Structures are given as C-alpha cells and as structure tokens.
C-alpha cells in the first residue's frame, strides 16, 4: 500500500499493479479475479 500511495494518478498505480502485483499474487486465478477487481476499484477511488 505504501508504494501505491506514491503514485500521482490511477493510470500509474494501475500500471504498477499489472506489472508487479497481478502475476506475483495470482490475480488471474479464477478464484481471485473478483477480489482483485474489487481491490483495483478501491484504489481507483483514491484518484477520483
């Protein structure tokens, strides 16, 4: 979370998530997709 707080835009945060977090934590697994999408929506709210 600390790293995500350093980004100035949602696009930068999303790029970080897709490049460094998504595969590391298996967000593409069928049982994690919904939770990952919810997490990303929460992150997006920070930048609105």
N, C-alpha and C. Protein backbone atom coordinates (compact mmCIF):
# COMPACT_ATOMS: atom_id res chain seq x y z
N UNK A 1 0.82 -1.18 0.00
CA UNK A 1 0.00 0.00 0.00
C UNK A 1 0.86 1.25 0.00
N UNK A 2 1.96 1.22 0.68
CA UNK A 2 2.83 2.38 0.71
C UNK A 2 3.29 2.78 -0.68
N UNK A 3 3.62 1.80 -1.48
CA UNK A 3 4.07 2.08 -2.85
C UNK A 3 2.92 2.69 -3.66
N UNK A 4 1.73 2.18 -3.51
CA UNK A 4 0.58 2.70 -4.26
C UNK A 4 0.28 4.15 -3.88
N UNK A 5 0.52 4.51 -2.65
CA UNK A 5 0.27 5.88 -2.21
C UNK A 5 1.23 6.89 -2.85
N UNK A 6 2.31 6.43 -3.42
CA UNK A 6 3.29 7.32 -4.02
C UNK A 6 2.90 7.77 -5.43
N UNK A 7 1.97 7.11 -6.06
CA UNK A 7 1.61 7.44 -7.43
C UNK A 7 0.70 8.65 -7.48
N UNK A 8 0.86 9.45 -8.53
CA UNK A 8 0.08 10.68 -8.70
C UNK A 8 -1.22 10.46 -9.47
N UNK A 9 -1.33 9.33 -10.19
CA UNK A 9 -2.53 9.08 -10.99
C UNK A 9 -2.91 7.60 -10.89
N UNK A 10 -4.17 7.34 -11.20
CA UNK A 10 -4.65 5.97 -11.21
C UNK A 10 -3.95 5.16 -12.30
N UNK A 11 -3.70 5.79 -13.45
CA UNK A 11 -3.03 5.08 -14.54
C UNK A 11 -1.66 4.57 -14.11
N UNK A 12 -0.92 5.39 -13.36
CA UNK A 12 0.39 4.95 -12.86
C UNK A 12 0.24 3.81 -11.86
N UNK A 13 -0.73 3.94 -10.97
CA UNK A 13 -0.96 2.89 -9.98
C UNK A 13 -1.38 1.58 -10.65
N UNK A 14 -2.26 1.70 -11.64
CA UNK A 14 -2.75 0.51 -12.35
C UNK A 14 -1.60 -0.17 -13.10
N UNK A 15 -0.74 0.62 -13.71
CA UNK A 15 0.42 0.06 -14.41
C UNK A 15 1.31 -0.71 -13.44
N UNK A 16 1.54 -0.14 -12.28
CA UNK A 16 2.34 -0.82 -11.25
C UNK A 16 1.68 -2.14 -10.86
N UNK A 17 0.37 -2.10 -10.64
CA UNK A 17 -0.34 -3.32 -10.24
C UNK A 17 -0.24 -4.40 -11.30
N UNK A 18 -0.41 -4.03 -12.55
CA UNK A 18 -0.36 -5.04 -13.62
C UNK A 18 1.06 -5.54 -13.86
N UNK A 19 2.04 -4.68 -13.69
CA UNK A 19 3.43 -5.08 -13.94
C UNK A 19 4.08 -5.83 -12.78
N UNK A 20 3.68 -5.50 -11.54
CA UNK A 20 4.40 -6.04 -10.38
C UNK A 20 3.56 -6.87 -9.41
N UNK A 21 2.27 -6.73 -9.45
CA UNK A 21 1.46 -7.38 -8.42
C UNK A 21 0.58 -8.49 -8.98
N UNK A 22 -0.02 -8.26 -10.12
CA UNK A 22 -1.02 -9.17 -10.67
C UNK A 22 -0.53 -10.62 -10.77
N UNK A 23 0.59 -10.84 -11.37
CA UNK A 23 1.07 -12.22 -11.53
C UNK A 23 1.75 -12.75 -10.28
N UNK A 24 2.39 -11.86 -9.54
CA UNK A 24 3.06 -12.28 -8.30
C UNK A 24 2.07 -12.91 -7.32
N UNK A 25 0.86 -12.33 -7.27
CA UNK A 25 -0.14 -12.81 -6.32
C UNK A 25 -1.25 -13.62 -6.99
N UNK A 26 -1.08 -13.95 -8.24
CA UNK A 26 -2.01 -14.85 -8.92
C UNK A 26 -3.39 -14.28 -9.14
N UNK A 27 -3.48 -12.99 -9.43
CA UNK A 27 -4.77 -12.36 -9.63
C UNK A 27 -5.53 -12.90 -10.84
N UNK A 28 -4.87 -13.62 -11.70
CA UNK A 28 -5.55 -14.16 -12.87
C UNK A 28 -6.23 -15.49 -12.57
N UNK A 29 -6.00 -16.03 -11.39
CA UNK A 29 -6.65 -17.28 -11.00
C UNK A 29 -8.15 -17.04 -10.86
N UNK A 30 -8.91 -18.00 -11.29
CA UNK A 30 -10.38 -17.86 -11.31
C UNK A 30 -10.96 -17.45 -9.96
N UNK A 31 -10.40 -17.97 -8.89
CA UNK A 31 -10.93 -17.68 -7.56
C UNK A 31 -10.47 -16.33 -7.00
N UNK A 32 -9.60 -15.61 -7.71
CA UNK A 32 -9.10 -14.33 -7.22
C UNK A 32 -9.49 -13.14 -8.08
N UNK A 33 -10.05 -13.37 -9.23
CA UNK A 33 -10.36 -12.29 -10.17
C UNK A 33 -11.31 -11.26 -9.57
N UNK A 34 -12.37 -11.71 -8.93
CA UNK A 34 -13.35 -10.78 -8.36
C UNK A 34 -12.75 -9.95 -7.23
N UNK A 35 -11.97 -10.59 -6.38
CA UNK A 35 -11.33 -9.87 -5.27
C UNK A 35 -10.33 -8.86 -5.80
N UNK A 36 -9.58 -9.23 -6.82
CA UNK A 36 -8.61 -8.32 -7.41
C UNK A 36 -9.31 -7.12 -8.04
N UNK A 37 -10.40 -7.35 -8.73
CA UNK A 37 -11.15 -6.26 -9.36
C UNK A 37 -11.71 -5.31 -8.30
N UNK A 38 -12.18 -5.85 -7.20
CA UNK A 38 -12.69 -5.02 -6.11
C UNK A 38 -11.56 -4.18 -5.53
N UNK A 39 -10.40 -4.77 -5.34
CA UNK A 39 -9.25 -4.05 -4.82
C UNK A 39 -8.87 -2.89 -5.75
N UNK A 40 -8.84 -3.15 -7.04
CA UNK A 40 -8.48 -2.12 -8.01
C UNK A 40 -9.52 -1.00 -7.99
N UNK A 41 -10.78 -1.32 -7.84
CA UNK A 41 -11.82 -0.28 -7.74
C UNK A 41 -11.59 0.60 -6.51
N UNK A 42 -11.18 0.00 -5.41
CA UNK A 42 -10.89 0.78 -4.21
C UNK A 42 -9.69 1.71 -4.43
N UNK A 43 -8.70 1.21 -5.10
CA UNK A 43 -7.53 2.04 -5.42
C UNK A 43 -7.95 3.19 -6.33
N UNK A 44 -8.79 2.91 -7.30
CA UNK A 44 -9.23 3.93 -8.24
C UNK A 44 -9.96 5.07 -7.53
N UNK A 45 -10.73 4.74 -6.51
CA UNK A 45 -11.48 5.76 -5.75
C UNK A 45 -10.56 6.81 -5.14
N UNK A 46 -9.34 6.42 -4.83
CA UNK A 46 -8.37 7.35 -4.25
C UNK A 46 -8.07 8.49 -5.23
N UNK A 47 -8.12 8.23 -6.50
CA UNK A 47 -7.71 9.20 -7.52
C UNK A 47 -8.87 9.97 -8.13
N UNK A 48 -10.08 9.73 -7.68
CA UNK A 48 -11.24 10.42 -8.24
C UNK A 48 -11.45 11.74 -7.51
